[in-house]
Amino acid sequence: MSIDLKPEQQRVIDLAIQSGAYRNPAEVLDQAFEILREQLDLEDWMFEQRDVIAAQIGKGFAQAQRAN
């Protein structure tokens, strides 16, 4: 597969390799995709838990109001 990168994207990959943290563009992209996967997993979790989180926020807010 061939991908056309924007110049700033290529620059980021080049800088990552020059830093010594990565040996080649594939390693840079593997890390970038892993970060994206983790972010998507977190977003999925937050979406699934939104009602529970909202209830906990509401409970904490009510407790704070009673304390005043």
N, C-alpha and C. Protein backbone atom coordinates (compact mmCIF):
# COMPACT_ATOMS: atom_id res chain seq x y z
N MET A 1 0.84 -1.16 0.00
CA MET A 1 0.00 0.00 0.00
C MET A 1 0.89 1.23 0.00
N SER A 2 0.44 2.24 -0.68
CA SER A 2 1.17 3.50 -0.75
C SER A 2 0.30 4.60 -0.17
N ILE A 3 0.91 5.47 0.63
CA ILE A 3 0.19 6.58 1.26
C ILE A 3 0.91 7.87 0.93
N ASP A 4 0.15 8.87 0.54
CA ASP A 4 0.71 10.20 0.32
C ASP A 4 0.60 10.98 1.62
N LEU A 5 1.73 11.39 2.16
CA LEU A 5 1.75 12.15 3.41
C LEU A 5 1.88 13.63 3.12
N LYS A 6 1.27 14.41 3.98
CA LYS A 6 1.48 15.86 3.94
C LYS A 6 2.91 16.11 4.41
N PRO A 7 3.52 17.19 3.97
CA PRO A 7 4.91 17.46 4.39
C PRO A 7 5.08 17.50 5.91
N GLU A 8 4.12 18.07 6.63
CA GLU A 8 4.26 18.13 8.08
C GLU A 8 4.16 16.74 8.72
N GLN A 9 3.39 15.83 8.11
CA GLN A 9 3.32 14.47 8.61
C GLN A 9 4.65 13.75 8.40
N GLN A 10 5.24 13.93 7.24
CA GLN A 10 6.53 13.32 6.96
C GLN A 10 7.60 13.88 7.89
N ARG A 11 7.50 15.18 8.19
CA ARG A 11 8.48 15.80 9.09
C ARG A 11 8.38 15.20 10.48
N VAL A 12 7.17 14.94 10.96
CA VAL A 12 6.99 14.34 12.29
C VAL A 12 7.60 12.94 12.31
N ILE A 13 7.37 12.18 11.27
CA ILE A 13 7.94 10.83 11.20
C ILE A 13 9.47 10.91 11.17
N ASP A 14 9.99 11.81 10.35
CA ASP A 14 11.45 11.97 10.27
C ASP A 14 12.04 12.36 11.61
N LEU A 15 11.40 13.30 12.30
CA LEU A 15 11.90 13.74 13.61
C LEU A 15 11.86 12.61 14.63
N ALA A 16 10.80 11.80 14.58
CA ALA A 16 10.70 10.67 15.51
C ALA A 16 11.83 9.68 15.28
N ILE A 17 12.16 9.42 14.03
CA ILE A 17 13.25 8.50 13.72
C ILE A 17 14.59 9.11 14.12
N GLN A 18 14.77 10.40 13.82
CA GLN A 18 16.02 11.08 14.18
C GLN A 18 16.24 11.11 15.68
N SER A 19 15.15 11.09 16.46
CA SER A 19 15.28 11.13 17.91
C SER A 19 15.90 9.85 18.46
N GLY A 20 15.86 8.79 17.64
CA GLY A 20 16.39 7.51 18.08
C GLY A 20 15.36 6.62 18.76
N ALA A 21 14.17 7.15 18.96
CA ALA A 21 13.12 6.37 19.62
C ALA A 21 12.52 5.31 18.70
N TYR A 22 12.65 5.52 17.39
CA TYR A 22 12.08 4.60 16.40
C TYR A 22 13.13 4.32 15.34
N ARG A 23 13.11 3.11 14.81
CA ARG A 23 14.08 2.73 13.79
C ARG A 23 13.63 3.03 12.38
N ASN A 24 12.31 3.08 12.17
CA ASN A 24 11.80 3.27 10.81
C ASN A 24 10.38 3.82 10.86
N PRO A 25 9.86 4.26 9.71
CA PRO A 25 8.51 4.82 9.69
C PRO A 25 7.43 3.85 10.18
N ALA A 26 7.60 2.57 9.93
CA ALA A 26 6.61 1.60 10.38
C ALA A 26 6.46 1.61 11.89
N GLU A 27 7.58 1.72 12.62
CA GLU A 27 7.50 1.77 14.08
C GLU A 27 6.78 3.02 14.55
N VAL A 28 7.03 4.14 13.88
CA VAL A 28 6.35 5.39 14.23
C VAL A 28 4.84 5.22 14.03
N LEU A 29 4.47 4.68 12.90
CA LEU A 29 3.05 4.50 12.60
C LEU A 29 2.41 3.47 13.51
N ASP A 30 3.12 2.40 13.85
CA ASP A 30 2.59 1.42 14.80
C ASP A 30 2.25 2.09 16.13
N GLN A 31 3.15 2.94 16.62
CA GLN A 31 2.91 3.64 17.88
C GLN A 31 1.74 4.60 17.75
N ALA A 32 1.68 5.33 16.64
CA ALA A 32 0.58 6.27 16.42
C ALA A 32 -0.77 5.54 16.39
N PHE A 33 -0.82 4.40 15.70
CA PHE A 33 -2.07 3.64 15.64
C PHE A 33 -2.44 3.06 17.00
N GLU A 34 -1.46 2.66 17.78
CA GLU A 34 -1.74 2.16 19.13
C GLU A 34 -2.36 3.26 19.98
N ILE A 35 -1.83 4.46 19.88
CA ILE A 35 -2.38 5.59 20.63
C ILE A 35 -3.81 5.86 20.18
N LEU A 36 -4.06 5.82 18.89
CA LEU A 36 -5.42 6.01 18.38
C LEU A 36 -6.37 4.93 18.89
N ARG A 37 -5.91 3.68 18.88
CA ARG A 37 -6.74 2.58 19.39
C ARG A 37 -7.09 2.79 20.86
N GLU A 38 -6.11 3.20 21.65
CA GLU A 38 -6.35 3.44 23.07
C GLU A 38 -7.35 4.57 23.27
N GLN A 39 -7.21 5.63 22.47
CA GLN A 39 -8.12 6.76 22.56
C GLN A 39 -9.54 6.34 22.18
N LEU A 40 -9.68 5.57 21.12
CA LEU A 40 -11.00 5.10 20.71
C LEU A 40 -11.62 4.18 21.75
N ASP A 41 -10.80 3.31 22.35
CA ASP A 41 -11.29 2.44 23.42
C ASP A 41 -11.79 3.26 24.60
N LEU A 42 -11.05 4.31 24.96
CA LEU A 42 -11.45 5.17 26.08
C LEU A 42 -12.74 5.90 25.74
N GLU A 43 -12.85 6.39 24.51
CA GLU A 43 -14.07 7.07 24.10
C GLU A 43 -15.26 6.12 24.15
N ASP A 44 -15.05 4.88 23.70
CA ASP A 44 -16.11 3.87 23.76
C ASP A 44 -16.53 3.62 25.21
N TRP A 45 -15.55 3.50 26.10
CA TRP A 45 -15.84 3.25 27.50
C TRP A 45 -16.61 4.42 28.10
N MET A 46 -16.17 5.64 27.79
CA MET A 46 -16.85 6.82 28.32
C MET A 46 -18.28 6.89 27.80
N PHE A 47 -18.50 6.56 26.54
CA PHE A 47 -19.83 6.57 25.97
C PHE A 47 -20.71 5.53 26.66
N GLU A 48 -20.16 4.35 26.89
CA GLU A 48 -20.91 3.28 27.55
C GLU A 48 -21.22 3.63 29.01
N GLN A 49 -20.35 4.38 29.65
CA GLN A 49 -20.49 4.69 31.07
C GLN A 49 -21.09 6.07 31.33
N ARG A 50 -21.53 6.77 30.30
CA ARG A 50 -21.96 8.16 30.46
C ARG A 50 -23.07 8.32 31.48
N ASP A 51 -24.04 7.41 31.52
CA ASP A 51 -25.13 7.53 32.47
C ASP A 51 -24.63 7.35 33.91
N VAL A 52 -23.75 6.39 34.11
CA VAL A 52 -23.18 6.15 35.44
C VAL A 52 -22.35 7.35 35.87
N ILE A 53 -21.55 7.87 34.96
CA ILE A 53 -20.70 9.03 35.28
C ILE A 53 -21.56 10.24 35.58
N ALA A 54 -22.60 10.47 34.78
CA ALA A 54 -23.49 11.62 35.01
C ALA A 54 -24.17 11.50 36.37
N ALA A 55 -24.57 10.29 36.74
CA ALA A 55 -25.22 10.09 38.04
C ALA A 55 -24.24 10.38 39.18
N GLN A 56 -23.00 9.94 39.03
CA GLN A 56 -22.00 10.19 40.07
C GLN A 56 -21.69 11.68 40.19
N ILE A 57 -21.63 12.37 39.06
CA ILE A 57 -21.39 13.82 39.09
C ILE A 57 -22.57 14.51 39.78
N GLY A 58 -23.78 14.09 39.43
CA GLY A 58 -24.96 14.68 40.07
C GLY A 58 -24.98 14.44 41.56
N LYS A 59 -24.61 13.24 41.98
CA LYS A 59 -24.57 12.91 43.41
C LYS A 59 -23.54 13.78 44.12
N GLY A 60 -22.35 13.91 43.53
CA GLY A 60 -21.30 14.75 44.13
C GLY A 60 -21.72 16.20 44.20
N PHE A 61 -22.38 16.69 43.18
CA PHE A 61 -22.84 18.07 43.15
C PHE A 61 -23.87 18.30 44.27
N ALA A 62 -24.82 17.35 44.41
CA ALA A 62 -25.83 17.46 45.44
C ALA A 62 -25.20 17.45 46.83
N GLN A 63 -24.19 16.60 47.03
CA GLN A 63 -23.50 16.55 48.32
C GLN A 63 -22.80 17.88 48.60
N ALA A 64 -22.18 18.44 47.58
CA ALA A 64 -21.48 19.71 47.75
C ALA A 64 -22.47 20.82 48.09
N GLN A 65 -23.64 20.79 47.50
CA GLN A 65 -24.65 21.82 47.79
C GLN A 65 -25.17 21.68 49.22
N ARG A 66 -25.35 20.45 49.68
CA ARG A 66 -25.82 20.24 51.04
C ARG A 66 -24.79 20.68 52.07
N ALA A 67 -23.51 20.60 51.72
CA ALA A 67 -22.43 20.95 52.64
C ALA A 67 -22.32 22.47 52.81
N ASN A 68 -22.88 23.20 51.89
CA ASN A 68 -22.79 24.68 51.98
C ASN A 68 -23.85 25.26 52.82
